[in-house]
Every structure is written in structure tokens, then in C-alpha cells.
Amino acid sequence: MSIFDWIAAGVVIVTLVYVSFVLTLADWFAALRKGQAVTLLPERAGHKWPLWTQAAMIILGLAICIPLFYFGWVPLFHTTSNAAVLLGMGGLILYLAGFAFVLWARRTLGRNWGLSTSKQVKLLDDHKLIETGPYAFIRHPMYFGWWVAMLGLTLLYPVWAVFLLFIFSLISFAGRARREESALAERFGELWLGYKKRTKSLIPFIY
């Protein structure tokens, strides 16, 4: 491995650990204990699953990633060494830009942040409609930032495992965005409609 490869790997590992465990899971578990976050498992006979089952779901998901990366670390295409370096440098820049955009959006959202699932969106009792920072021109900047970061990661590591995660995030987050917009429209009514007219949904200035 070259010096660039070691630096890129270090940057990716540190940032992914930070956004996954420090920025996301820690806040989600804290909100879950207060009853302010969605659960990964639906209620059973009117009762919520205990917290340890939610943690088990996270651990299981991470465990599934191990064989995915082991067997999926197959190149999408073959390039020359010079082209690989250029792709890697461009990918790292895109990755950091997307990651920075996610952090900007997360900071702007503040305590209104919450983790939605494929079936459930939960707003706080005193939830506010944020229209500042990146939310002034795009309604789902964290999803957009993550897509940019994943595109950069795919260029940095052009293998099937990373590409499939990128595709999965496109489909998953697009669905979440629709469910979140339905919940926000129901809560904020005319205020939401006005905000929706002034902004794009998932891609700044385009869509």
C-alpha cells in the first residue's frame, strides 16, 4: 500500500466510526431511552422491545457487513495505476465533501434530529421545521451528503461491496425521505407547503 492508501484508509475509518457510533448511534440510544426515537423493531402486542434487542439488531447488521466486504471486495473495473490514483484522490475529496455536508446538516438540525426507519417516522412533541443552513435550499441534506460521500467512497474503493452499499443507500434514503415528508406535511401543514415550494428535495437546485 502507498502512503496515500494508508492516509485514505485512516480518514475513512475514523470518519465512519465517528458518524456511525458517536454522531448517530449514541444520540439514537439516548433518545430511545427517553421514548423520543423510533425503534428498529415494531411493537409486539402493544409493548416495545427492550433496549438490548435494538442493540442486538445493530450488531447483527454490522456482522452481516463482514462477509459482504470479504466476498464483495471484487473490482468493478480494471484501471491503470495512474488512473487508480486519480480516481482515489477524486473519491477522497468527494467523500470528505459529502461528510462535511452531513455534519453541517446535522449541526443545523440540532435536537430535532431523529433516526427514521423503513416504516416509521417519529417527530418530537415540540419539533420545529428547520429552514436554515443547508435546509434553506434542500429538504434532506443529510441524505444528499451521505450519497456524495458514498459516491466518493465508490471511486476510492471501486469494488462491488462498496457499490452495492451506495445503491442500497440511494433506494433506502429516497424511501425514508418520502415518509418523512408525509409526517412533516401532516404536522406543519401550510408552513410545510410553503417551505416545500422554496426548496428541492434531495439534490440541490435539481430535484
N, C-alpha and C. Protein backbone atom coordinates (compact mmCIF):
# COMPACT_ATOMS: atom_id res chain seq x y z
N MET A 1 0.84 -1.20 0.00
CA MET A 1 0.00 0.00 0.00
C MET A 1 0.87 1.25 0.00
N SER A 2 0.44 2.26 -0.74
CA SER A 2 1.16 3.52 -0.79
C SER A 2 0.80 4.38 0.42
N ILE A 3 1.52 5.49 0.58
CA ILE A 3 1.23 6.41 1.68
C ILE A 3 -0.18 6.96 1.55
N PHE A 4 -0.58 7.27 0.30
CA PHE A 4 -1.94 7.76 0.08
C PHE A 4 -2.98 6.74 0.52
N ASP A 5 -2.74 5.46 0.21
CA ASP A 5 -3.68 4.42 0.60
C ASP A 5 -3.85 4.36 2.12
N TRP A 6 -2.73 4.47 2.85
CA TRP A 6 -2.80 4.43 4.31
C TRP A 6 -3.53 5.65 4.85
N ILE A 7 -3.25 6.82 4.29
CA ILE A 7 -3.92 8.05 4.74
C ILE A 7 -5.41 7.98 4.46
N ALA A 8 -5.76 7.56 3.24
CA ALA A 8 -7.18 7.46 2.86
C ALA A 8 -7.91 6.47 3.74
N ALA A 9 -7.31 5.32 4.01
CA ALA A 9 -7.94 4.30 4.85
C ALA A 9 -8.15 4.84 6.27
N GLY A 10 -7.17 5.55 6.79
CA GLY A 10 -7.30 6.13 8.12
C GLY A 10 -8.42 7.15 8.20
N VAL A 11 -8.48 8.01 7.18
CA VAL A 11 -9.53 9.04 7.15
C VAL A 11 -10.91 8.39 7.08
N VAL A 12 -11.06 7.40 6.23
CA VAL A 12 -12.35 6.73 6.06
C VAL A 12 -12.78 6.02 7.34
N ILE A 13 -11.86 5.30 7.96
CA ILE A 13 -12.19 4.56 9.17
C ILE A 13 -12.60 5.50 10.29
N VAL A 14 -11.82 6.55 10.51
CA VAL A 14 -12.11 7.49 11.60
C VAL A 14 -13.46 8.19 11.38
N THR A 15 -13.69 8.66 10.17
CA THR A 15 -14.93 9.38 9.90
C THR A 15 -16.16 8.48 9.98
N LEU A 16 -16.03 7.25 9.47
CA LEU A 16 -17.17 6.33 9.53
C LEU A 16 -17.49 5.93 10.97
N VAL A 17 -16.46 5.69 11.77
CA VAL A 17 -16.69 5.38 13.18
C VAL A 17 -17.35 6.55 13.88
N TYR A 18 -16.91 7.75 13.57
CA TYR A 18 -17.47 8.94 14.21
C TYR A 18 -18.94 9.12 13.85
N VAL A 19 -19.25 9.09 12.55
CA VAL A 19 -20.63 9.36 12.13
C VAL A 19 -21.57 8.22 12.51
N SER A 20 -21.05 6.97 12.55
CA SER A 20 -21.91 5.83 12.84
C SER A 20 -22.14 5.65 14.33
N PHE A 21 -21.08 5.72 15.11
CA PHE A 21 -21.19 5.37 16.53
C PHE A 21 -21.29 6.60 17.44
N VAL A 22 -20.53 7.63 17.15
CA VAL A 22 -20.53 8.81 18.02
C VAL A 22 -21.70 9.73 17.67
N LEU A 23 -21.83 10.07 16.40
CA LEU A 23 -22.83 11.05 15.99
C LEU A 23 -24.23 10.48 15.88
N THR A 24 -24.35 9.22 15.49
CA THR A 24 -25.65 8.64 15.20
C THR A 24 -26.15 7.71 16.30
N LEU A 25 -25.46 6.62 16.52
CA LEU A 25 -25.96 5.61 17.46
C LEU A 25 -26.04 6.11 18.90
N ALA A 26 -25.05 6.89 19.32
CA ALA A 26 -25.06 7.38 20.70
C ALA A 26 -26.29 8.24 20.95
N ASP A 27 -26.57 9.18 20.04
CA ASP A 27 -27.74 10.05 20.18
C ASP A 27 -29.03 9.24 20.06
N TRP A 28 -29.03 8.25 19.17
CA TRP A 28 -30.24 7.46 18.96
C TRP A 28 -30.59 6.64 20.20
N PHE A 29 -29.59 6.00 20.80
CA PHE A 29 -29.84 5.23 22.01
C PHE A 29 -30.32 6.13 23.15
N ALA A 30 -29.73 7.32 23.26
CA ALA A 30 -30.16 8.26 24.30
C ALA A 30 -31.62 8.67 24.09
N ALA A 31 -31.99 8.95 22.83
CA ALA A 31 -33.37 9.32 22.54
C ALA A 31 -34.31 8.14 22.71
N LEU A 32 -33.81 6.93 22.43
CA LEU A 32 -34.63 5.73 22.56
C LEU A 32 -35.02 5.50 24.02
N ARG A 33 -34.08 5.75 24.92
CA ARG A 33 -34.36 5.58 26.35
C ARG A 33 -35.43 6.57 26.82
N LYS A 34 -35.47 7.73 26.17
CA LYS A 34 -36.46 8.75 26.56
C LYS A 34 -37.79 8.58 25.82
N GLY A 35 -37.85 7.60 24.92
CA GLY A 35 -39.05 7.40 24.13
C GLY A 35 -39.22 8.40 23.01
N GLN A 36 -38.11 9.04 22.58
CA GLN A 36 -38.16 10.08 21.56
C GLN A 36 -37.61 9.62 20.22
N ALA A 37 -37.33 8.33 20.07
CA ALA A 37 -36.77 7.83 18.82
C ALA A 37 -37.53 6.60 18.36
N VAL A 38 -37.48 6.35 17.07
CA VAL A 38 -38.13 5.16 16.53
C VAL A 38 -37.34 3.93 16.95
N THR A 39 -38.00 2.79 16.98
CA THR A 39 -37.32 1.53 17.28
C THR A 39 -37.12 0.77 15.98
N LEU A 40 -36.13 -0.09 15.95
CA LEU A 40 -35.87 -0.90 14.76
C LEU A 40 -36.86 -2.04 14.62
N LEU A 41 -37.48 -2.41 15.74
CA LEU A 41 -38.46 -3.50 15.73
C LEU A 41 -39.84 -2.94 16.08
N PRO A 42 -40.89 -3.36 15.38
CA PRO A 42 -42.24 -2.88 15.69
C PRO A 42 -42.71 -3.38 17.05
N GLU A 43 -43.66 -2.65 17.63
CA GLU A 43 -44.18 -3.07 18.94
C GLU A 43 -44.83 -4.44 18.84
N ARG A 44 -44.73 -5.19 19.91
CA ARG A 44 -45.28 -6.54 19.96
C ARG A 44 -46.39 -6.57 21.01
N ALA A 45 -47.63 -6.77 20.53
CA ALA A 45 -48.81 -6.79 21.42
C ALA A 45 -48.88 -5.52 22.26
N GLY A 46 -48.56 -4.39 21.63
CA GLY A 46 -48.65 -3.12 22.33
C GLY A 46 -47.47 -2.81 23.22
N HIS A 47 -46.46 -3.66 23.25
CA HIS A 47 -45.29 -3.44 24.10
C HIS A 47 -44.04 -3.27 23.23
N LYS A 48 -43.17 -2.36 23.64
CA LYS A 48 -41.94 -2.14 22.91
C LYS A 48 -40.91 -3.21 23.27
N TRP A 49 -40.06 -3.51 22.32
CA TRP A 49 -38.97 -4.43 22.57
C TRP A 49 -37.97 -3.76 23.50
N PRO A 50 -37.29 -4.53 24.36
CA PRO A 50 -36.30 -3.93 25.26
C PRO A 50 -35.12 -3.36 24.49
N LEU A 51 -34.39 -2.48 25.16
CA LEU A 51 -33.28 -1.77 24.51
C LEU A 51 -32.21 -2.72 24.00
N TRP A 52 -31.98 -3.82 24.72
CA TRP A 52 -30.91 -4.73 24.31
C TRP A 52 -31.20 -5.39 22.97
N THR A 53 -32.48 -5.55 22.63
CA THR A 53 -32.82 -6.13 21.33
C THR A 53 -32.48 -5.17 20.20
N GLN A 54 -32.63 -3.86 20.47
CA GLN A 54 -32.25 -2.87 19.47
C GLN A 54 -30.74 -2.93 19.22
N ALA A 55 -29.98 -3.05 20.32
CA ALA A 55 -28.53 -3.15 20.20
C ALA A 55 -28.15 -4.42 19.45
N ALA A 56 -28.87 -5.51 19.69
CA ALA A 56 -28.60 -6.78 19.00
C ALA A 56 -28.83 -6.64 17.50
N MET A 57 -29.86 -5.88 17.12
CA MET A 57 -30.13 -5.66 15.70
C MET A 57 -28.98 -4.91 15.04
N ILE A 58 -28.44 -3.91 15.74
CA ILE A 58 -27.31 -3.16 15.20
C ILE A 58 -26.10 -4.08 15.03
N ILE A 59 -25.81 -4.88 16.04
CA ILE A 59 -24.67 -5.80 15.99
C ILE A 59 -24.83 -6.81 14.85
N LEU A 60 -26.05 -7.31 14.68
CA LEU A 60 -26.32 -8.26 13.59
C LEU A 60 -26.08 -7.61 12.24
N GLY A 61 -26.54 -6.36 12.09
CA GLY A 61 -26.32 -5.66 10.83
C GLY A 61 -24.85 -5.46 10.52
N LEU A 62 -24.08 -5.13 11.57
CA LEU A 62 -22.64 -4.97 11.37
C LEU A 62 -21.98 -6.30 11.03
N ALA A 63 -22.47 -7.38 11.65
CA ALA A 63 -21.91 -8.71 11.38
C ALA A 63 -22.15 -9.12 9.94
N ILE A 64 -23.29 -8.74 9.39
CA ILE A 64 -23.60 -9.08 8.00
C ILE A 64 -22.63 -8.39 7.04
N CYS A 65 -22.13 -7.22 7.45
CA CYS A 65 -21.21 -6.48 6.58
C CYS A 65 -19.88 -7.19 6.41
N ILE A 66 -19.51 -8.03 7.38
CA ILE A 66 -18.21 -8.70 7.31
C ILE A 66 -18.11 -9.63 6.09
N PRO A 67 -19.05 -10.59 5.91
CA PRO A 67 -18.97 -11.42 4.69
C PRO A 67 -19.23 -10.62 3.42
N LEU A 68 -20.05 -9.54 3.53
CA LEU A 68 -20.31 -8.72 2.35
C LEU A 68 -19.01 -8.13 1.82
N PHE A 69 -18.20 -7.58 2.71
CA PHE A 69 -16.95 -6.99 2.27
C PHE A 69 -15.91 -8.05 1.91
N TYR A 70 -15.95 -9.17 2.62
CA TYR A 70 -14.97 -10.23 2.35
C TYR A 70 -15.16 -10.82 0.95
N PHE A 71 -16.41 -11.14 0.64
CA PHE A 71 -16.68 -11.77 -0.67
C PHE A 71 -16.95 -10.73 -1.76
N GLY A 72 -17.28 -9.51 -1.35
CA GLY A 72 -17.62 -8.49 -2.35
C GLY A 72 -16.49 -7.56 -2.71
N TRP A 73 -15.29 -7.81 -2.17
CA TRP A 73 -14.16 -6.94 -2.50
C TRP A 73 -13.59 -7.33 -3.86
N VAL A 74 -14.45 -7.26 -4.86
CA VAL A 74 -14.10 -7.60 -6.24
C VAL A 74 -14.19 -6.34 -7.07
N PRO A 75 -13.15 -6.00 -7.83
CA PRO A 75 -13.15 -4.74 -8.59
C PRO A 75 -14.34 -4.63 -9.55
N LEU A 76 -14.89 -3.43 -9.61
CA LEU A 76 -15.95 -3.15 -10.58
C LEU A 76 -15.38 -3.11 -11.99
N PHE A 77 -14.17 -2.59 -12.10
CA PHE A 77 -13.49 -2.49 -13.39
C PHE A 77 -11.99 -2.43 -13.13
N HIS A 78 -11.23 -2.63 -14.15
CA HIS A 78 -9.78 -2.60 -14.04
C HIS A 78 -9.24 -1.31 -14.65
N THR A 79 -8.30 -0.69 -13.96
CA THR A 79 -7.71 0.56 -14.44
C THR A 79 -6.19 0.48 -14.32
N THR A 80 -5.54 1.43 -14.96
CA THR A 80 -4.10 1.55 -14.80
C THR A 80 -3.80 2.12 -13.42
N SER A 81 -2.57 2.00 -12.99
CA SER A 81 -2.20 2.51 -11.67
C SER A 81 -2.36 4.02 -11.59
N ASN A 82 -2.03 4.74 -12.66
CA ASN A 82 -2.18 6.20 -12.66
C ASN A 82 -3.65 6.60 -12.57
N ALA A 83 -4.51 5.90 -13.31
CA ALA A 83 -5.94 6.20 -13.26
C ALA A 83 -6.51 5.88 -11.88
N ALA A 84 -6.02 4.81 -11.28
CA ALA A 84 -6.49 4.43 -9.94
C ALA A 84 -6.15 5.50 -8.92
N VAL A 85 -4.96 6.09 -9.05
CA VAL A 85 -4.55 7.16 -8.13
C VAL A 85 -5.44 8.38 -8.30
N LEU A 86 -5.71 8.76 -9.55
CA LEU A 86 -6.56 9.92 -9.81
C LEU A 86 -7.98 9.68 -9.31
N LEU A 87 -8.50 8.48 -9.56
CA LEU A 87 -9.84 8.14 -9.05
C LEU A 87 -9.86 8.18 -7.53
N GLY A 88 -8.82 7.64 -6.92
CA GLY A 88 -8.75 7.62 -5.47
C GLY A 88 -8.71 9.02 -4.87
N MET A 89 -7.90 9.90 -5.45
CA MET A 89 -7.80 11.27 -4.95
C MET A 89 -9.13 12.01 -5.12
N GLY A 90 -9.74 11.86 -6.29
CA GLY A 90 -11.04 12.49 -6.52
C GLY A 90 -12.10 11.92 -5.59
N GLY A 91 -12.05 10.59 -5.39
CA GLY A 91 -13.01 9.96 -4.50
C GLY A 91 -12.86 10.43 -3.07
N LEU A 92 -11.63 10.57 -2.59
CA LEU A 92 -11.42 11.03 -1.21
C LEU A 92 -11.93 12.46 -1.03
N ILE A 93 -11.72 13.30 -2.03
CA ILE A 93 -12.21 14.68 -1.96
C ILE A 93 -13.74 14.69 -1.90
N LEU A 94 -14.38 13.90 -2.76
CA LEU A 94 -15.84 13.81 -2.74
C LEU A 94 -16.34 13.26 -1.41
N TYR A 95 -15.66 12.24 -0.91
CA TYR A 95 -16.05 11.63 0.36
C TYR A 95 -16.02 12.66 1.48
N LEU A 96 -14.94 13.42 1.58
CA LEU A 96 -14.81 14.42 2.64
C LEU A 96 -15.83 15.55 2.46
N ALA A 97 -16.09 15.93 1.21
CA ALA A 97 -17.08 16.98 0.95
C ALA A 97 -18.47 16.52 1.39
N GLY A 98 -18.82 15.28 1.04
CA GLY A 98 -20.12 14.76 1.46
C GLY A 98 -20.23 14.63 2.96
N PHE A 99 -19.15 14.16 3.59
CA PHE A 99 -19.13 14.01 5.04
C PHE A 99 -19.29 15.36 5.72
N ALA A 100 -18.60 16.39 5.20
CA ALA A 100 -18.72 17.74 5.76
C ALA A 100 -20.15 18.26 5.63
N PHE A 101 -20.79 17.94 4.51
CA PHE A 101 -22.18 18.38 4.29
C PHE A 101 -23.11 17.71 5.30
N VAL A 102 -22.87 16.43 5.57
CA VAL A 102 -23.66 15.71 6.58
C VAL A 102 -23.51 16.38 7.95
N LEU A 103 -22.29 16.70 8.33
CA LEU A 103 -22.04 17.32 9.63
C LEU A 103 -22.69 18.70 9.71
N TRP A 104 -22.64 19.45 8.62
CA TRP A 104 -23.28 20.77 8.59
C TRP A 104 -24.79 20.63 8.81
N ALA A 105 -25.39 19.69 8.11
CA ALA A 105 -26.83 19.48 8.24
C ALA A 105 -27.19 18.97 9.63
N ARG A 106 -26.39 18.05 10.15
CA ARG A 106 -26.67 17.50 11.49
C ARG A 106 -26.58 18.58 12.55
N ARG A 107 -25.59 19.44 12.45
CA ARG A 107 -25.43 20.53 13.41
C ARG A 107 -26.59 21.52 13.31
N THR A 108 -27.02 21.81 12.08
CA THR A 108 -28.14 22.72 11.88
C THR A 108 -29.43 22.15 12.44
N LEU A 109 -29.63 20.85 12.27
CA LEU A 109 -30.85 20.20 12.74
C LEU A 109 -30.91 20.16 14.27
N GLY A 110 -29.76 20.03 14.92
CA GLY A 110 -29.72 20.06 16.38
C GLY A 110 -30.56 18.97 17.02
N ARG A 111 -31.31 19.33 18.05
CA ARG A 111 -32.08 18.35 18.81
C ARG A 111 -33.29 17.84 18.03
N ASN A 112 -33.58 18.41 16.87
CA ASN A 112 -34.69 17.93 16.05
C ASN A 112 -34.32 16.69 15.25
N TRP A 113 -33.04 16.30 15.31
CA TRP A 113 -32.62 15.10 14.59
C TRP A 113 -33.24 13.86 15.21
N GLY A 114 -33.57 12.92 14.34
CA GLY A 114 -34.09 11.65 14.81
C GLY A 114 -33.91 10.61 13.72
N LEU A 115 -33.70 9.37 14.13
CA LEU A 115 -33.49 8.29 13.17
C LEU A 115 -34.83 7.72 12.74
N SER A 116 -35.11 7.75 11.43
CA SER A 116 -36.32 7.13 10.91
C SER A 116 -35.96 5.75 10.37
N THR A 117 -36.94 4.89 10.25
CA THR A 117 -36.70 3.56 9.71
C THR A 117 -37.45 3.41 8.40
N SER A 118 -37.43 2.20 7.86
CA SER A 118 -38.10 1.96 6.58
C SER A 118 -39.62 2.02 6.70
N LYS A 119 -40.13 2.02 7.95
CA LYS A 119 -41.58 2.01 8.13
C LYS A 119 -42.10 3.10 9.07
N GLN A 120 -41.22 3.76 9.81
CA GLN A 120 -41.70 4.65 10.85
C GLN A 120 -40.90 5.94 10.91
N VAL A 121 -41.61 7.04 11.13
CA VAL A 121 -41.01 8.35 11.36
C VAL A 121 -41.61 8.89 12.65
N LYS A 122 -40.76 9.41 13.52
CA LYS A 122 -41.25 9.93 14.79
C LYS A 122 -40.74 11.34 15.00
N LEU A 123 -41.67 12.30 15.13
CA LEU A 123 -41.31 13.68 15.40
C LEU A 123 -41.42 13.96 16.89
N LEU A 124 -40.62 14.90 17.37
CA LEU A 124 -40.70 15.31 18.76
C LEU A 124 -42.00 16.07 19.01
N ASP A 125 -42.44 16.11 20.25
CA ASP A 125 -43.65 16.85 20.59
C ASP A 125 -43.49 18.33 20.26
N ASP A 126 -42.28 18.86 20.46
CA ASP A 126 -42.01 20.27 20.18
C ASP A 126 -41.14 20.42 18.93
N HIS A 127 -41.31 19.51 17.99
CA HIS A 127 -40.49 19.51 16.78
C HIS A 127 -40.64 20.83 16.02
N LYS A 128 -39.52 21.32 15.48
CA LYS A 128 -39.53 22.56 14.72
C LYS A 128 -39.13 22.30 13.27
N LEU A 129 -39.68 23.10 12.37
CA LEU A 129 -39.32 22.99 10.96
C LEU A 129 -38.08 23.86 10.72
N ILE A 130 -36.95 23.21 10.46
CA ILE A 130 -35.69 23.92 10.27
C ILE A 130 -35.58 24.40 8.83
N GLU A 131 -35.29 25.70 8.67
CA GLU A 131 -35.18 26.29 7.33
C GLU A 131 -33.89 27.07 7.16
N THR A 132 -32.89 26.80 7.98
CA THR A 132 -31.62 27.50 7.90
C THR A 132 -30.53 26.54 7.45
N GLY A 133 -29.31 27.09 7.26
CA GLY A 133 -28.19 26.26 6.82
C GLY A 133 -28.51 25.57 5.51
N PRO A 134 -28.14 24.31 5.35
CA PRO A 134 -28.42 23.61 4.09
C PRO A 134 -29.92 23.39 3.89
N TYR A 135 -30.70 23.45 4.98
CA TYR A 135 -32.15 23.27 4.87
C TYR A 135 -32.83 24.46 4.20
N ALA A 136 -32.08 25.52 3.95
CA ALA A 136 -32.65 26.67 3.26
C ALA A 136 -32.87 26.38 1.78
N PHE A 137 -32.16 25.36 1.23
CA PHE A 137 -32.32 25.07 -0.20
C PHE A 137 -32.54 23.59 -0.50
N ILE A 138 -32.41 22.71 0.50
CA ILE A 138 -32.67 21.28 0.27
C ILE A 138 -33.29 20.70 1.53
N ARG A 139 -34.32 19.86 1.34
CA ARG A 139 -35.08 19.37 2.49
C ARG A 139 -34.43 18.17 3.18
N HIS A 140 -33.54 17.47 2.50
CA HIS A 140 -32.90 16.29 3.09
C HIS A 140 -31.38 16.34 2.85
N PRO A 141 -30.72 17.33 3.41
CA PRO A 141 -29.28 17.48 3.14
C PRO A 141 -28.41 16.37 3.69
N MET A 142 -28.82 15.72 4.79
CA MET A 142 -28.01 14.64 5.33
C MET A 142 -27.98 13.46 4.37
N TYR A 143 -29.10 13.17 3.72
CA TYR A 143 -29.14 12.08 2.75
C TYR A 143 -28.29 12.42 1.53
N PHE A 144 -28.41 13.66 1.06
CA PHE A 144 -27.61 14.08 -0.09
C PHE A 144 -26.12 14.00 0.23
N GLY A 145 -25.74 14.51 1.41
CA GLY A 145 -24.34 14.47 1.80
C GLY A 145 -23.80 13.05 1.88
N TRP A 146 -24.65 12.14 2.40
CA TRP A 146 -24.22 10.74 2.50
C TRP A 146 -24.06 10.13 1.11
N TRP A 147 -24.95 10.47 0.18
CA TRP A 147 -24.82 9.96 -1.18
C TRP A 147 -23.52 10.44 -1.83
N VAL A 148 -23.19 11.71 -1.63
CA VAL A 148 -21.94 12.24 -2.18
C VAL A 148 -20.75 11.51 -1.57
N ALA A 149 -20.81 11.29 -0.25
CA ALA A 149 -19.74 10.57 0.43
C ALA A 149 -19.61 9.14 -0.09
N MET A 150 -20.74 8.48 -0.30
CA MET A 150 -20.70 7.10 -0.80
C MET A 150 -20.23 7.03 -2.24
N LEU A 151 -20.57 8.04 -3.04
CA LEU A 151 -20.05 8.09 -4.41
C LEU A 151 -18.53 8.23 -4.37
N GLY A 152 -18.05 9.11 -3.50
CA GLY A 152 -16.61 9.28 -3.35
C GLY A 152 -15.94 8.00 -2.88
N LEU A 153 -16.59 7.30 -1.95
CA LEU A 153 -16.04 6.05 -1.43
C LEU A 153 -15.99 4.99 -2.53
N THR A 154 -16.98 5.01 -3.42
CA THR A 154 -17.01 4.05 -4.53
C THR A 154 -15.87 4.33 -5.51
N LEU A 155 -15.53 5.60 -5.71
CA LEU A 155 -14.40 5.93 -6.57
C LEU A 155 -13.07 5.59 -5.89
N LEU A 156 -13.04 5.80 -4.58
CA LEU A 156 -11.83 5.49 -3.82
C LEU A 156 -11.59 3.98 -3.75
N TYR A 157 -12.68 3.23 -3.53
CA TYR A 157 -12.61 1.77 -3.49
C TYR A 157 -13.64 1.21 -4.48
N PRO A 158 -13.29 1.16 -5.77
CA PRO A 158 -14.25 0.71 -6.79
C PRO A 158 -14.43 -0.81 -6.79
N VAL A 159 -15.11 -1.29 -5.75
CA VAL A 159 -15.39 -2.72 -5.62
C VAL A 159 -16.89 -2.91 -5.47
N TRP A 160 -17.34 -4.14 -5.69
CA TRP A 160 -18.78 -4.42 -5.67
C TRP A 160 -19.41 -4.18 -4.30
N ALA A 161 -18.71 -4.48 -3.23
CA ALA A 161 -19.28 -4.31 -1.89
C ALA A 161 -19.66 -2.85 -1.63
N VAL A 162 -18.74 -1.94 -1.94
CA VAL A 162 -18.99 -0.51 -1.71
C VAL A 162 -20.07 0.00 -2.67
N PHE A 163 -20.01 -0.45 -3.92
CA PHE A 163 -21.01 -0.02 -4.90
C PHE A 163 -22.41 -0.45 -4.49
N LEU A 164 -22.56 -1.68 -3.99
CA LEU A 164 -23.87 -2.17 -3.57
C LEU A 164 -24.39 -1.38 -2.36
N LEU A 165 -23.51 -1.00 -1.44
CA LEU A 165 -23.92 -0.17 -0.32
C LEU A 165 -24.38 1.20 -0.80
N PHE A 166 -23.71 1.73 -1.82
CA PHE A 166 -24.11 3.00 -2.41
C PHE A 166 -25.51 2.91 -3.00
N ILE A 167 -25.76 1.86 -3.78
CA ILE A 167 -27.08 1.66 -4.39
C ILE A 167 -28.15 1.48 -3.31
N PHE A 168 -27.84 0.70 -2.28
CA PHE A 168 -28.78 0.48 -1.19
C PHE A 168 -29.13 1.80 -0.50
N SER A 169 -28.13 2.66 -0.30
CA SER A 169 -28.40 3.94 0.36
C SER A 169 -29.27 4.84 -0.51
N LEU A 170 -29.09 4.78 -1.82
CA LEU A 170 -29.93 5.57 -2.73
C LEU A 170 -31.40 5.17 -2.58
N ILE A 171 -31.65 3.87 -2.61
CA ILE A 171 -33.03 3.38 -2.53
C ILE A 171 -33.61 3.62 -1.14
N SER A 172 -32.85 3.29 -0.10
CA SER A 172 -33.33 3.39 1.27
C SER A 172 -33.64 4.83 1.66
N PHE A 173 -32.71 5.74 1.39
CA PHE A 173 -32.90 7.12 1.82
C PHE A 173 -33.98 7.83 1.00
N ALA A 174 -34.14 7.47 -0.27
CA ALA A 174 -35.21 8.06 -1.06
C ALA A 174 -36.57 7.68 -0.47
N GLY A 175 -36.70 6.43 -0.04
CA GLY A 175 -37.95 6.00 0.60
C GLY A 175 -38.17 6.68 1.93
N ARG A 176 -37.12 6.82 2.71
CA ARG A 176 -37.24 7.50 4.01
C ARG A 176 -37.65 8.95 3.82
N ALA A 177 -37.07 9.59 2.81
CA ALA A 177 -37.38 10.99 2.56
C ALA A 177 -38.87 11.17 2.29
N ARG A 178 -39.47 10.28 1.52
CA ARG A 178 -40.91 10.38 1.23
C ARG A 178 -41.74 10.23 2.51
N ARG A 179 -41.37 9.27 3.37
CA ARG A 179 -42.12 9.08 4.61
C ARG A 179 -41.94 10.26 5.56
N GLU A 180 -40.74 10.80 5.62
CA GLU A 180 -40.50 11.95 6.48
C GLU A 180 -41.29 13.17 6.00
N GLU A 181 -41.37 13.35 4.69
CA GLU A 181 -42.11 14.49 4.16
C GLU A 181 -43.60 14.36 4.46
N SER A 182 -44.12 13.15 4.43
CA SER A 182 -45.53 12.95 4.78
C SER A 182 -45.80 13.33 6.24
N ALA A 183 -44.87 12.92 7.12
CA ALA A 183 -45.03 13.23 8.54
C ALA A 183 -44.91 14.73 8.79
N LEU A 184 -43.97 15.38 8.12
CA LEU A 184 -43.79 16.82 8.30
C LEU A 184 -44.96 17.60 7.72
N ALA A 185 -45.49 17.14 6.59
CA ALA A 185 -46.64 17.81 5.99
C ALA A 185 -47.86 17.73 6.91
N GLU A 186 -48.03 16.59 7.54
CA GLU A 186 -49.15 16.41 8.46
C GLU A 186 -48.99 17.29 9.70
N ARG A 187 -47.76 17.45 10.17
CA ARG A 187 -47.53 18.24 11.38
C ARG A 187 -47.59 19.75 11.11
N PHE A 188 -46.97 20.21 10.02
CA PHE A 188 -46.80 21.65 9.82
C PHE A 188 -47.72 22.27 8.77
N GLY A 189 -48.46 21.48 8.02
CA GLY A 189 -49.48 21.99 7.13
C GLY A 189 -49.00 23.05 6.14
N GLU A 190 -49.62 24.23 6.20
CA GLU A 190 -49.32 25.30 5.25
C GLU A 190 -47.87 25.76 5.34
N LEU A 191 -47.30 25.74 6.54
CA LEU A 191 -45.90 26.12 6.70
C LEU A 191 -45.00 25.19 5.91
N TRP A 192 -45.34 23.89 5.94
CA TRP A 192 -44.56 22.92 5.18
C TRP A 192 -44.72 23.11 3.68
N LEU A 193 -45.94 23.39 3.23
CA LEU A 193 -46.18 23.58 1.81
C LEU A 193 -45.38 24.76 1.27
N GLY A 194 -45.32 25.84 2.04
CA GLY A 194 -44.55 27.00 1.62
C GLY A 194 -43.06 26.68 1.56
N TYR A 195 -42.58 25.95 2.55
CA TYR A 195 -41.18 25.55 2.57
C TYR A 195 -40.86 24.63 1.41
N LYS A 196 -41.77 23.72 1.11
CA LYS A 196 -41.56 22.76 0.02
C LYS A 196 -41.46 23.46 -1.33
N LYS A 197 -42.22 24.53 -1.52
CA LYS A 197 -42.18 25.26 -2.78
C LYS A 197 -40.84 25.98 -2.98
N ARG A 198 -40.18 26.34 -1.88
CA ARG A 198 -38.94 27.12 -1.97
C ARG A 198 -37.70 26.25 -2.07
N THR A 199 -37.83 24.95 -1.90
CA THR A 199 -36.65 24.10 -1.80
C THR A 199 -36.73 22.88 -2.72
N LYS A 200 -35.60 22.24 -2.90
CA LYS A 200 -35.53 20.96 -3.59
C LYS A 200 -35.51 19.85 -2.54
N SER A 201 -35.84 18.64 -2.95
CA SER A 201 -35.96 17.56 -2.00
C SER A 201 -34.61 16.92 -1.64
N LEU A 202 -33.93 16.36 -2.63
CA LEU A 202 -32.76 15.53 -2.34
C LEU A 202 -31.47 15.97 -3.03
N ILE A 203 -31.58 16.71 -4.13
CA ILE A 203 -30.40 17.17 -4.86
C ILE A 203 -30.49 18.68 -5.03
N PRO A 204 -29.56 19.45 -4.44
CA PRO A 204 -29.64 20.91 -4.51
C PRO A 204 -29.80 21.44 -5.93
N PHE A 205 -30.77 22.35 -6.08
CA PHE A 205 -31.02 23.07 -7.34
C PHE A 205 -31.50 22.19 -8.49
N ILE A 206 -31.68 20.89 -8.27
CA ILE A 206 -32.07 19.98 -9.37
C ILE A 206 -33.36 19.25 -9.04
N TYR A 207 -33.40 18.52 -7.92
CA TYR A 207 -34.57 17.68 -7.62
C TYR A 207 -34.90 17.76 -6.14
